[in-house]
């Protein structure tokens, strides 16, 4: 119904959908494919199946927490979008602040716990002790990146709640370049 109303104002429905689809698609490509591909590319030059295995285990272990960060971000999108749609911009800002503090608290708990128990996380996968010793520093570096990801997801959620789809795409691109 909404798309038909907007399309009746001179825009085609396809154009409206593409306006939101392409930035989200590029964001997903940058967030989920590019960092893992670049890691695998550089580790491939080392010609070490041990390092590639550690990278895969760490990435898969942290993926659950990335999905939790996405869920918290989605909560900010929904709540912020409700107030933004009502043109209650002050409440939209409050949602962002409360969401940021919630994400910060959760990120601190998760990342401190993972940092302190990094060796146990890798031992859970029954990796040999030599691989665990190599993997713990890598996991700890990725945990720091996970903390920053939690914070950026809260900002991304806020930007999406105010219907800005292009800036999150640019931010994820810049973050991916910094990550490399």
N, C-alpha and C. Protein backbone atom coordinates (compact mmCIF):
# COMPACT_ATOMS: atom_id res chain seq x y z
N UNK A 1 0.82 -1.18 0.00
CA UNK A 1 0.00 0.00 0.00
C UNK A 1 0.88 1.26 0.00
N UNK A 2 1.87 1.27 0.92
CA UNK A 2 2.75 2.43 1.01
C UNK A 2 3.50 2.63 -0.30
N UNK A 3 4.02 1.52 -0.87
CA UNK A 3 4.77 1.63 -2.11
C UNK A 3 3.90 2.15 -3.25
N UNK A 4 2.64 1.74 -3.28
CA UNK A 4 1.74 2.23 -4.31
C UNK A 4 1.48 3.72 -4.14
N UNK A 5 1.36 4.18 -2.90
CA UNK A 5 1.13 5.60 -2.66
C UNK A 5 2.34 6.41 -3.11
N UNK A 6 3.53 5.94 -2.75
CA UNK A 6 4.74 6.66 -3.15
C UNK A 6 4.94 6.56 -4.66
N UNK A 7 4.67 5.37 -5.22
CA UNK A 7 4.83 5.19 -6.66
C UNK A 7 3.87 6.08 -7.42
N UNK A 8 2.72 6.33 -6.85
CA UNK A 8 1.76 7.22 -7.49
C UNK A 8 2.25 8.66 -7.53
N UNK A 9 3.28 8.97 -6.75
CA UNK A 9 3.82 10.33 -6.72
C UNK A 9 4.95 10.51 -7.72
N UNK A 10 5.09 9.59 -8.65
CA UNK A 10 6.08 9.77 -9.70
C UNK A 10 7.25 8.81 -9.65
N UNK A 11 7.40 8.03 -8.59
CA UNK A 11 8.50 7.08 -8.52
C UNK A 11 7.97 5.68 -8.79
N UNK A 12 8.79 4.90 -9.48
CA UNK A 12 8.40 3.52 -9.71
C UNK A 12 8.73 2.70 -8.48
N UNK A 13 7.92 1.66 -8.25
CA UNK A 13 8.11 0.80 -7.09
C UNK A 13 9.49 0.16 -7.10
N UNK A 14 9.94 -0.26 -8.28
CA UNK A 14 11.25 -0.88 -8.41
C UNK A 14 12.36 0.08 -7.96
N UNK A 15 12.25 1.34 -8.31
CA UNK A 15 13.25 2.32 -7.91
C UNK A 15 13.29 2.52 -6.40
N UNK A 16 12.12 2.49 -5.79
CA UNK A 16 12.04 2.67 -4.34
C UNK A 16 12.70 1.49 -3.64
N UNK A 17 12.41 0.29 -4.10
CA UNK A 17 12.99 -0.90 -3.48
C UNK A 17 14.51 -0.90 -3.68
N UNK A 18 14.97 -0.56 -4.88
CA UNK A 18 16.40 -0.55 -5.15
C UNK A 18 17.13 0.50 -4.32
N UNK A 19 16.46 1.57 -4.01
CA UNK A 19 17.07 2.62 -3.19
C UNK A 19 17.49 2.08 -1.83
N UNK A 20 16.74 1.13 -1.29
CA UNK A 20 17.07 0.53 -0.01
C UNK A 20 17.85 -0.78 -0.16
N UNK A 21 17.62 -1.50 -1.27
CA UNK A 21 18.25 -2.80 -1.44
C UNK A 21 19.75 -2.70 -1.66
N UNK A 22 20.19 -1.89 -2.60
CA UNK A 22 21.60 -1.88 -2.96
C UNK A 22 22.52 -1.46 -1.82
N UNK A 23 22.21 -0.42 -1.06
CA UNK A 23 23.09 -0.13 0.10
C UNK A 23 23.13 -1.28 1.11
N UNK A 24 21.99 -1.93 1.34
CA UNK A 24 21.96 -3.06 2.27
C UNK A 24 22.74 -4.25 1.71
N UNK A 25 22.63 -4.48 0.42
CA UNK A 25 23.35 -5.58 -0.21
C UNK A 25 24.86 -5.35 -0.12
N UNK A 26 25.29 -4.14 -0.43
CA UNK A 26 26.72 -3.82 -0.36
C UNK A 26 27.21 -3.91 1.08
N UNK A 27 26.40 -3.47 2.03
CA UNK A 27 26.75 -3.58 3.44
C UNK A 27 26.95 -5.04 3.83
N UNK A 28 26.02 -5.90 3.43
CA UNK A 28 26.14 -7.33 3.75
C UNK A 28 27.37 -7.94 3.09
N UNK A 29 27.65 -7.55 1.87
CA UNK A 29 28.82 -8.05 1.16
C UNK A 29 30.10 -7.64 1.90
N UNK A 30 30.16 -6.39 2.31
CA UNK A 30 31.34 -5.89 3.01
C UNK A 30 31.47 -6.55 4.38
N UNK A 31 30.37 -6.73 5.06
CA UNK A 31 30.41 -7.23 6.44
C UNK A 31 30.68 -8.72 6.52
N UNK A 32 30.06 -9.51 5.65
CA UNK A 32 30.12 -10.95 5.81
C UNK A 32 31.10 -11.63 4.86
N UNK A 33 31.29 -11.11 3.69
CA UNK A 33 32.14 -11.79 2.72
C UNK A 33 33.56 -11.25 2.71
N UNK A 34 33.70 -9.96 2.61
CA UNK A 34 35.01 -9.36 2.37
C UNK A 34 36.04 -9.64 3.46
N UNK A 35 35.75 -9.41 4.75
CA UNK A 35 36.78 -9.68 5.76
C UNK A 35 37.22 -11.15 5.81
N UNK A 36 36.26 -12.07 5.68
CA UNK A 36 36.62 -13.49 5.72
C UNK A 36 37.42 -13.88 4.48
N UNK A 37 37.05 -13.32 3.33
CA UNK A 37 37.78 -13.60 2.10
C UNK A 37 39.21 -13.07 2.18
N UNK A 38 39.36 -11.86 2.70
CA UNK A 38 40.70 -11.27 2.80
C UNK A 38 41.56 -12.05 3.78
N UNK A 39 40.98 -12.46 4.92
CA UNK A 39 41.72 -13.31 5.86
C UNK A 39 42.19 -14.59 5.18
N UNK A 40 41.28 -15.25 4.49
CA UNK A 40 41.62 -16.51 3.82
C UNK A 40 42.67 -16.29 2.73
N UNK A 41 42.58 -15.17 2.04
CA UNK A 41 43.54 -14.86 0.98
C UNK A 41 44.95 -14.71 1.54
N UNK A 42 45.09 -13.94 2.61
CA UNK A 42 46.42 -13.74 3.18
C UNK A 42 46.94 -14.99 3.88
N UNK A 43 46.07 -15.71 4.55
CA UNK A 43 46.50 -16.95 5.21
C UNK A 43 46.90 -17.99 4.16
N UNK A 44 46.25 -17.96 3.00
CA UNK A 44 46.61 -18.87 1.92
C UNK A 44 48.05 -18.69 1.46
N UNK A 45 48.55 -17.46 1.50
CA UNK A 45 49.94 -17.22 1.13
C UNK A 45 50.91 -17.83 2.13
N UNK A 46 50.48 -18.02 3.36
CA UNK A 46 51.35 -18.64 4.37
C UNK A 46 51.45 -20.14 4.18
N UNK A 47 50.55 -20.71 3.38
CA UNK A 47 50.52 -22.14 3.07
C UNK A 47 50.53 -22.98 4.35
N UNK A 48 49.64 -22.62 5.26
CA UNK A 48 49.54 -23.33 6.53
C UNK A 48 48.09 -23.70 6.79
N UNK A 49 47.82 -24.99 6.75
CA UNK A 49 46.44 -25.42 7.03
C UNK A 49 46.10 -25.21 8.50
N UNK A 50 47.11 -25.20 9.36
CA UNK A 50 46.88 -24.94 10.78
C UNK A 50 46.32 -23.54 10.99
N UNK A 51 46.95 -22.55 10.38
CA UNK A 51 46.48 -21.17 10.54
C UNK A 51 45.11 -20.97 9.91
N UNK A 52 44.87 -21.64 8.79
CA UNK A 52 43.56 -21.52 8.16
C UNK A 52 42.48 -22.15 9.04
N UNK A 53 42.80 -23.26 9.67
CA UNK A 53 41.85 -23.91 10.58
C UNK A 53 41.55 -23.02 11.77
N UNK A 54 42.57 -22.41 12.33
CA UNK A 54 42.38 -21.51 13.48
C UNK A 54 41.50 -20.34 13.07
N UNK A 55 41.77 -19.78 11.90
CA UNK A 55 40.96 -18.66 11.42
C UNK A 55 39.50 -19.07 11.27
N UNK A 56 39.26 -20.24 10.72
CA UNK A 56 37.88 -20.71 10.54
C UNK A 56 37.19 -20.95 11.87
N UNK A 57 37.89 -21.54 12.83
CA UNK A 57 37.30 -21.81 14.14
C UNK A 57 36.96 -20.51 14.85
N UNK A 58 37.89 -19.56 14.82
CA UNK A 58 37.65 -18.28 15.49
C UNK A 58 36.50 -17.53 14.83
N UNK A 59 36.49 -17.48 13.52
CA UNK A 59 35.41 -16.77 12.82
C UNK A 59 34.06 -17.40 13.09
N UNK A 60 33.99 -18.72 13.09
CA UNK A 60 32.72 -19.38 13.37
C UNK A 60 32.30 -19.22 14.83
N UNK A 61 33.27 -19.18 15.73
CA UNK A 61 32.95 -18.98 17.15
C UNK A 61 32.36 -17.59 17.39
N UNK A 62 32.93 -16.61 16.74
CA UNK A 62 32.48 -15.23 16.96
C UNK A 62 31.22 -14.89 16.17
N UNK A 63 30.87 -15.72 15.19
CA UNK A 63 29.70 -15.44 14.37
C UNK A 63 28.42 -15.37 15.19
N UNK A 64 28.31 -16.20 16.22
CA UNK A 64 27.13 -16.16 17.08
C UNK A 64 26.99 -14.79 17.74
N UNK A 65 28.10 -14.23 18.17
CA UNK A 65 28.04 -12.93 18.84
C UNK A 65 27.78 -11.80 17.85
N UNK A 66 28.22 -11.97 16.61
CA UNK A 66 27.89 -11.00 15.57
C UNK A 66 26.38 -10.98 15.35
N UNK A 67 25.77 -12.16 15.36
CA UNK A 67 24.31 -12.24 15.19
C UNK A 67 23.58 -11.61 16.37
N UNK A 68 24.12 -11.74 17.57
CA UNK A 68 23.53 -11.07 18.73
C UNK A 68 23.63 -9.56 18.57
N UNK A 69 24.77 -9.08 18.09
CA UNK A 69 24.93 -7.64 17.85
C UNK A 69 23.93 -7.16 16.80
N UNK A 70 23.71 -7.98 15.78
CA UNK A 70 22.70 -7.62 14.76
C UNK A 70 21.31 -7.54 15.38
N UNK A 71 21.01 -8.46 16.28
CA UNK A 71 19.70 -8.44 16.94
C UNK A 71 19.51 -7.19 17.77
N UNK A 72 20.53 -6.79 18.50
CA UNK A 72 20.44 -5.56 19.28
C UNK A 72 20.29 -4.35 18.36
N UNK A 73 21.00 -4.38 17.25
CA UNK A 73 20.88 -3.30 16.27
C UNK A 73 19.47 -3.24 15.70
N UNK A 74 18.90 -4.40 15.44
CA UNK A 74 17.54 -4.44 14.91
C UNK A 74 16.54 -3.87 15.91
N UNK A 75 16.77 -4.12 17.19
CA UNK A 75 15.91 -3.52 18.22
C UNK A 75 15.96 -2.01 18.18
N UNK A 76 17.16 -1.46 17.98
CA UNK A 76 17.29 0.00 17.87
C UNK A 76 16.59 0.49 16.62
N UNK A 77 16.69 -0.26 15.52
CA UNK A 77 16.00 0.13 14.28
C UNK A 77 14.50 0.20 14.50
N UNK A 78 13.94 -0.83 15.12
CA UNK A 78 12.49 -0.90 15.30
C UNK A 78 12.01 0.20 16.23
N UNK A 79 12.62 0.31 17.40
CA UNK A 79 12.16 1.31 18.36
C UNK A 79 12.42 2.73 17.87
N UNK A 80 13.62 2.96 17.32
CA UNK A 80 13.92 4.28 16.79
C UNK A 80 13.04 4.63 15.61
N UNK A 81 12.76 3.65 14.76
CA UNK A 81 11.90 3.88 13.60
C UNK A 81 10.48 4.24 13.99
N UNK A 82 9.99 3.65 15.07
CA UNK A 82 8.64 3.99 15.54
C UNK A 82 8.56 5.46 15.92
N UNK A 83 9.52 5.91 16.71
CA UNK A 83 9.50 7.31 17.13
C UNK A 83 9.82 8.25 15.98
N UNK A 84 10.72 7.83 15.10
CA UNK A 84 11.04 8.68 13.96
C UNK A 84 9.84 8.82 13.04
N UNK A 85 9.08 7.73 12.87
CA UNK A 85 7.87 7.79 12.06
C UNK A 85 6.81 8.71 12.64
N UNK A 86 6.78 8.81 13.96
CA UNK A 86 5.83 9.71 14.63
C UNK A 86 6.37 11.15 14.70
N UNK A 87 7.57 11.34 14.18
CA UNK A 87 8.25 12.64 14.22
C UNK A 87 8.57 13.08 15.64
N UNK A 88 8.80 12.12 16.51
CA UNK A 88 9.23 12.40 17.88
C UNK A 88 10.74 12.21 17.93
N UNK A 89 11.46 13.19 17.41
CA UNK A 89 12.90 13.05 17.22
C UNK A 89 13.66 13.02 18.54
N UNK A 90 13.13 13.68 19.56
CA UNK A 90 13.79 13.64 20.86
C UNK A 90 13.76 12.22 21.42
N UNK A 91 12.63 11.54 21.28
CA UNK A 91 12.53 10.16 21.75
C UNK A 91 13.38 9.22 20.88
N UNK A 92 13.51 9.54 19.61
CA UNK A 92 14.39 8.74 18.74
C UNK A 92 15.82 8.82 19.26
N UNK A 93 16.25 10.00 19.64
CA UNK A 93 17.58 10.17 20.22
C UNK A 93 17.74 9.43 21.54
N UNK A 94 16.68 9.45 22.35
CA UNK A 94 16.74 8.72 23.63
C UNK A 94 16.88 7.22 23.39
N UNK A 95 16.16 6.72 22.38
CA UNK A 95 16.27 5.30 22.04
C UNK A 95 17.72 4.97 21.66
N UNK A 96 18.34 5.85 20.89
CA UNK A 96 19.73 5.60 20.50
C UNK A 96 20.64 5.58 21.72
N UNK A 97 20.48 6.54 22.62
CA UNK A 97 21.33 6.60 23.81
C UNK A 97 21.14 5.35 24.68
N UNK A 98 19.89 4.99 24.93
CA UNK A 98 19.62 3.80 25.74
C UNK A 98 20.12 2.54 25.04
N UNK A 99 19.92 2.49 23.73
CA UNK A 99 20.41 1.34 22.97
C UNK A 99 21.93 1.25 22.99
N UNK A 100 22.59 2.40 22.89
CA UNK A 100 24.05 2.42 22.92
C UNK A 100 24.57 1.91 24.26
N UNK A 101 23.97 2.36 25.36
CA UNK A 101 24.40 1.89 26.68
C UNK A 101 24.13 0.40 26.85
N UNK A 102 23.00 -0.07 26.35
CA UNK A 102 22.69 -1.50 26.43
C UNK A 102 23.70 -2.32 25.65
N UNK A 103 23.99 -1.88 24.44
CA UNK A 103 24.95 -2.59 23.60
C UNK A 103 26.34 -2.53 24.23
N UNK A 104 26.71 -1.38 24.78
CA UNK A 104 28.02 -1.23 25.42
C UNK A 104 28.16 -2.19 26.60
N UNK A 105 27.13 -2.27 27.43
CA UNK A 105 27.16 -3.18 28.57
C UNK A 105 27.29 -4.63 28.11
N UNK A 106 26.46 -5.00 27.16
CA UNK A 106 26.48 -6.37 26.66
C UNK A 106 27.82 -6.69 26.00
N UNK A 107 28.34 -5.75 25.21
CA UNK A 107 29.62 -5.97 24.52
C UNK A 107 30.75 -6.13 25.53
N UNK A 108 30.74 -5.33 26.59
CA UNK A 108 31.78 -5.46 27.61
C UNK A 108 31.72 -6.83 28.28
N UNK A 109 30.52 -7.26 28.64
CA UNK A 109 30.37 -8.57 29.28
C UNK A 109 30.86 -9.70 28.37
N UNK A 110 30.42 -9.68 27.14
CA UNK A 110 30.78 -10.74 26.19
C UNK A 110 32.28 -10.72 25.90
N UNK A 111 32.80 -9.55 25.59
CA UNK A 111 34.20 -9.47 25.17
C UNK A 111 35.17 -9.73 26.31
N UNK A 112 34.86 -9.25 27.51
CA UNK A 112 35.74 -9.54 28.65
C UNK A 112 35.71 -11.04 28.95
N UNK A 113 34.52 -11.62 28.92
CA UNK A 113 34.43 -13.06 29.16
C UNK A 113 35.19 -13.87 28.13
N UNK A 114 35.02 -13.53 26.86
CA UNK A 114 35.73 -14.25 25.81
C UNK A 114 37.24 -14.03 25.89
N UNK A 115 37.66 -12.81 26.23
CA UNK A 115 39.08 -12.51 26.33
C UNK A 115 39.73 -13.33 27.44
N UNK A 116 39.06 -13.38 28.59
CA UNK A 116 39.62 -14.11 29.73
C UNK A 116 39.63 -15.62 29.50
N UNK A 117 38.64 -16.12 28.78
CA UNK A 117 38.52 -17.56 28.58
C UNK A 117 38.79 -17.96 27.13
N UNK A 118 39.66 -17.22 26.45
CA UNK A 118 39.96 -17.50 25.04
C UNK A 118 40.53 -18.90 24.86
N UNK A 119 41.39 -19.31 25.76
CA UNK A 119 41.99 -20.63 25.64
C UNK A 119 40.93 -21.72 25.79
N UNK A 120 39.99 -21.52 26.71
CA UNK A 120 38.94 -22.51 26.92
C UNK A 120 37.98 -22.59 25.73
N UNK A 121 37.77 -21.45 25.08
CA UNK A 121 36.91 -21.44 23.89
C UNK A 121 37.52 -22.32 22.81
N UNK A 122 38.82 -22.19 22.60
CA UNK A 122 39.48 -22.99 21.57
C UNK A 122 39.61 -24.46 21.99
N UNK A 123 39.81 -24.70 23.28
CA UNK A 123 39.88 -26.08 23.76
C UNK A 123 38.53 -26.79 23.62
N UNK A 124 37.45 -26.02 23.66
CA UNK A 124 36.11 -26.58 23.48
C UNK A 124 35.99 -27.30 22.14
N UNK A 125 36.73 -26.84 21.15
CA UNK A 125 36.69 -27.43 19.81
C UNK A 125 37.65 -28.61 19.67
N UNK A 126 38.25 -29.04 20.77
CA UNK A 126 39.19 -30.18 20.78
C UNK A 126 40.37 -29.96 19.84
N UNK A 127 40.85 -28.74 19.79
CA UNK A 127 42.03 -28.45 18.98
C UNK A 127 43.28 -28.92 19.73
N UNK A 128 44.31 -29.32 19.00
CA UNK A 128 45.57 -29.68 19.67
C UNK A 128 46.14 -28.47 20.41
N UNK A 129 46.91 -28.75 21.43
CA UNK A 129 47.47 -27.69 22.28
C UNK A 129 48.30 -26.69 21.47
N UNK A 130 49.04 -27.19 20.49
CA UNK A 130 49.87 -26.28 19.67
C UNK A 130 48.99 -25.29 18.90
N UNK A 131 47.86 -25.76 18.39
CA UNK A 131 46.95 -24.86 17.66
C UNK A 131 46.30 -23.87 18.62
N UNK A 132 46.00 -24.31 19.82
CA UNK A 132 45.39 -23.42 20.81
C UNK A 132 46.36 -22.29 21.15
N UNK A 133 47.64 -22.62 21.32
CA UNK A 133 48.63 -21.60 21.66
C UNK A 133 48.78 -20.57 20.54
N UNK A 134 48.65 -21.01 19.31
CA UNK A 134 48.71 -20.08 18.18
C UNK A 134 47.41 -19.29 18.06
N UNK A 135 46.29 -19.94 18.36
CA UNK A 135 44.98 -19.33 18.14
C UNK A 135 44.55 -18.33 19.18
N UNK A 136 45.05 -18.43 20.42
CA UNK A 136 44.60 -17.52 21.49
C UNK A 136 44.91 -16.06 21.15
N UNK A 137 46.12 -15.71 20.72
CA UNK A 137 46.35 -14.29 20.36
C UNK A 137 45.45 -13.82 19.22
N UNK A 138 45.24 -14.69 18.23
CA UNK A 138 44.37 -14.31 17.11
C UNK A 138 42.94 -14.09 17.59
N UNK A 139 42.45 -14.97 18.45
CA UNK A 139 41.10 -14.82 18.99
C UNK A 139 40.98 -13.53 19.79
N UNK A 140 41.99 -13.21 20.57
CA UNK A 140 41.93 -11.99 21.39
C UNK A 140 41.92 -10.73 20.52
N UNK A 141 42.65 -10.74 19.43
CA UNK A 141 42.60 -9.59 18.51
C UNK A 141 41.21 -9.48 17.89
N UNK A 142 40.65 -10.61 17.50
CA UNK A 142 39.31 -10.60 16.90
C UNK A 142 38.25 -10.18 17.92
N UNK A 143 38.47 -10.48 19.21
CA UNK A 143 37.52 -10.07 20.25
C UNK A 143 37.50 -8.55 20.35
N UNK A 144 38.65 -7.91 20.24
CA UNK A 144 38.67 -6.44 20.23
C UNK A 144 37.87 -5.91 19.05
N UNK A 145 38.02 -6.55 17.90
CA UNK A 145 37.23 -6.17 16.73
C UNK A 145 35.75 -6.40 16.95
N UNK A 146 35.40 -7.47 17.68
CA UNK A 146 34.00 -7.75 17.99
C UNK A 146 33.41 -6.65 18.86
N UNK A 147 34.18 -6.15 19.81
CA UNK A 147 33.71 -5.05 20.66
C UNK A 147 33.39 -3.82 19.81
N UNK A 148 34.28 -3.48 18.90
CA UNK A 148 34.04 -2.34 18.02
C UNK A 148 32.85 -2.59 17.09
N UNK A 149 32.66 -3.84 16.70
CA UNK A 149 31.52 -4.20 15.85
C UNK A 149 30.20 -3.98 16.59
N UNK A 150 30.16 -4.36 17.86
CA UNK A 150 28.96 -4.12 18.67
C UNK A 150 28.62 -2.63 18.68
N UNK A 151 29.63 -1.80 18.93
CA UNK A 151 29.38 -0.35 18.98
C UNK A 151 28.94 0.19 17.63
N UNK A 152 29.58 -0.26 16.57
CA UNK A 152 29.19 0.25 15.25
C UNK A 152 27.80 -0.22 14.87
N UNK A 153 27.41 -1.42 15.29
CA UNK A 153 26.06 -1.90 14.99
C UNK A 153 25.00 -1.04 15.67
N UNK A 154 25.30 -0.53 16.86
CA UNK A 154 24.31 0.33 17.51
C UNK A 154 24.15 1.63 16.72
N UNK A 155 25.24 2.17 16.22
CA UNK A 155 25.17 3.38 15.40
C UNK A 155 24.47 3.09 14.08
N UNK A 156 24.77 1.96 13.48
CA UNK A 156 24.13 1.57 12.22
C UNK A 156 22.63 1.42 12.42
N UNK A 157 22.24 0.80 13.54
CA UNK A 157 20.81 0.65 13.84
C UNK A 157 20.12 1.99 13.94
N UNK A 158 20.77 2.94 14.58
CA UNK A 158 20.18 4.27 14.69
C UNK A 158 20.04 4.92 13.31
N UNK A 159 21.08 4.82 12.51
CA UNK A 159 21.02 5.44 11.18
C UNK A 159 19.94 4.79 10.32
N UNK A 160 19.78 3.50 10.44
CA UNK A 160 18.72 2.83 9.69
C UNK A 160 17.35 3.23 10.20
N UNK A 161 17.24 3.49 11.49
CA UNK A 161 15.93 3.88 12.04
C UNK A 161 15.50 5.25 11.54
N UNK A 162 16.46 6.07 11.17
CA UNK A 162 16.10 7.38 10.61
C UNK A 162 16.16 7.37 9.08
N UNK A 163 16.14 6.16 8.52
CA UNK A 163 16.04 5.92 7.07
C UNK A 163 17.25 6.41 6.29
N UNK A 164 18.42 6.26 6.87
CA UNK A 164 19.65 6.58 6.16
C UNK A 164 20.34 5.25 5.86
N UNK A 165 20.25 4.77 4.64
CA UNK A 165 20.81 3.46 4.28
C UNK A 165 22.19 3.58 3.65
N UNK A 166 22.57 4.74 3.17
CA UNK A 166 23.84 4.89 2.46
C UNK A 166 25.01 5.04 3.44
N UNK A 167 24.85 5.83 4.49
CA UNK A 167 25.93 6.04 5.44
C UNK A 167 26.39 4.75 6.11
N UNK A 168 25.49 3.84 6.52
CA UNK A 168 25.98 2.56 7.07
C UNK A 168 26.84 1.78 6.08
N UNK A 169 26.48 1.82 4.81
CA UNK A 169 27.26 1.13 3.79
C UNK A 169 28.68 1.72 3.75
N UNK A 170 28.79 3.03 3.77
CA UNK A 170 30.09 3.69 3.74
C UNK A 170 30.89 3.36 5.00
N UNK A 171 30.20 3.36 6.15
CA UNK A 171 30.87 3.06 7.41
C UNK A 171 31.41 1.63 7.44
N UNK A 172 30.62 0.67 6.96
CA UNK A 172 31.10 -0.71 6.92
C UNK A 172 32.27 -0.84 5.96
N UNK A 173 32.23 -0.12 4.85
CA UNK A 173 33.35 -0.15 3.91
C UNK A 173 34.62 0.39 4.54
N UNK A 174 34.51 1.51 5.23
CA UNK A 174 35.67 2.09 5.91
C UNK A 174 36.17 1.15 7.00
N UNK A 175 35.25 0.54 7.73
CA UNK A 175 35.64 -0.41 8.77
C UNK A 175 36.36 -1.62 8.21
N UNK A 176 35.90 -2.11 7.08
CA UNK A 176 36.54 -3.27 6.45
C UNK A 176 37.95 -2.91 5.99
N UNK A 177 38.14 -1.70 5.48
CA UNK A 177 39.48 -1.27 5.06
C UNK A 177 40.41 -1.14 6.26
N UNK A 178 39.88 -0.63 7.37
CA UNK A 178 40.69 -0.50 8.58
C UNK A 178 41.03 -1.88 9.12
N UNK A 179 40.08 -2.81 9.02
CA UNK A 179 40.29 -4.17 9.52
C UNK A 179 41.45 -4.85 8.81
N UNK A 180 41.58 -4.60 7.52
CA UNK A 180 42.64 -5.23 6.74
C UNK A 180 43.95 -4.61 7.13
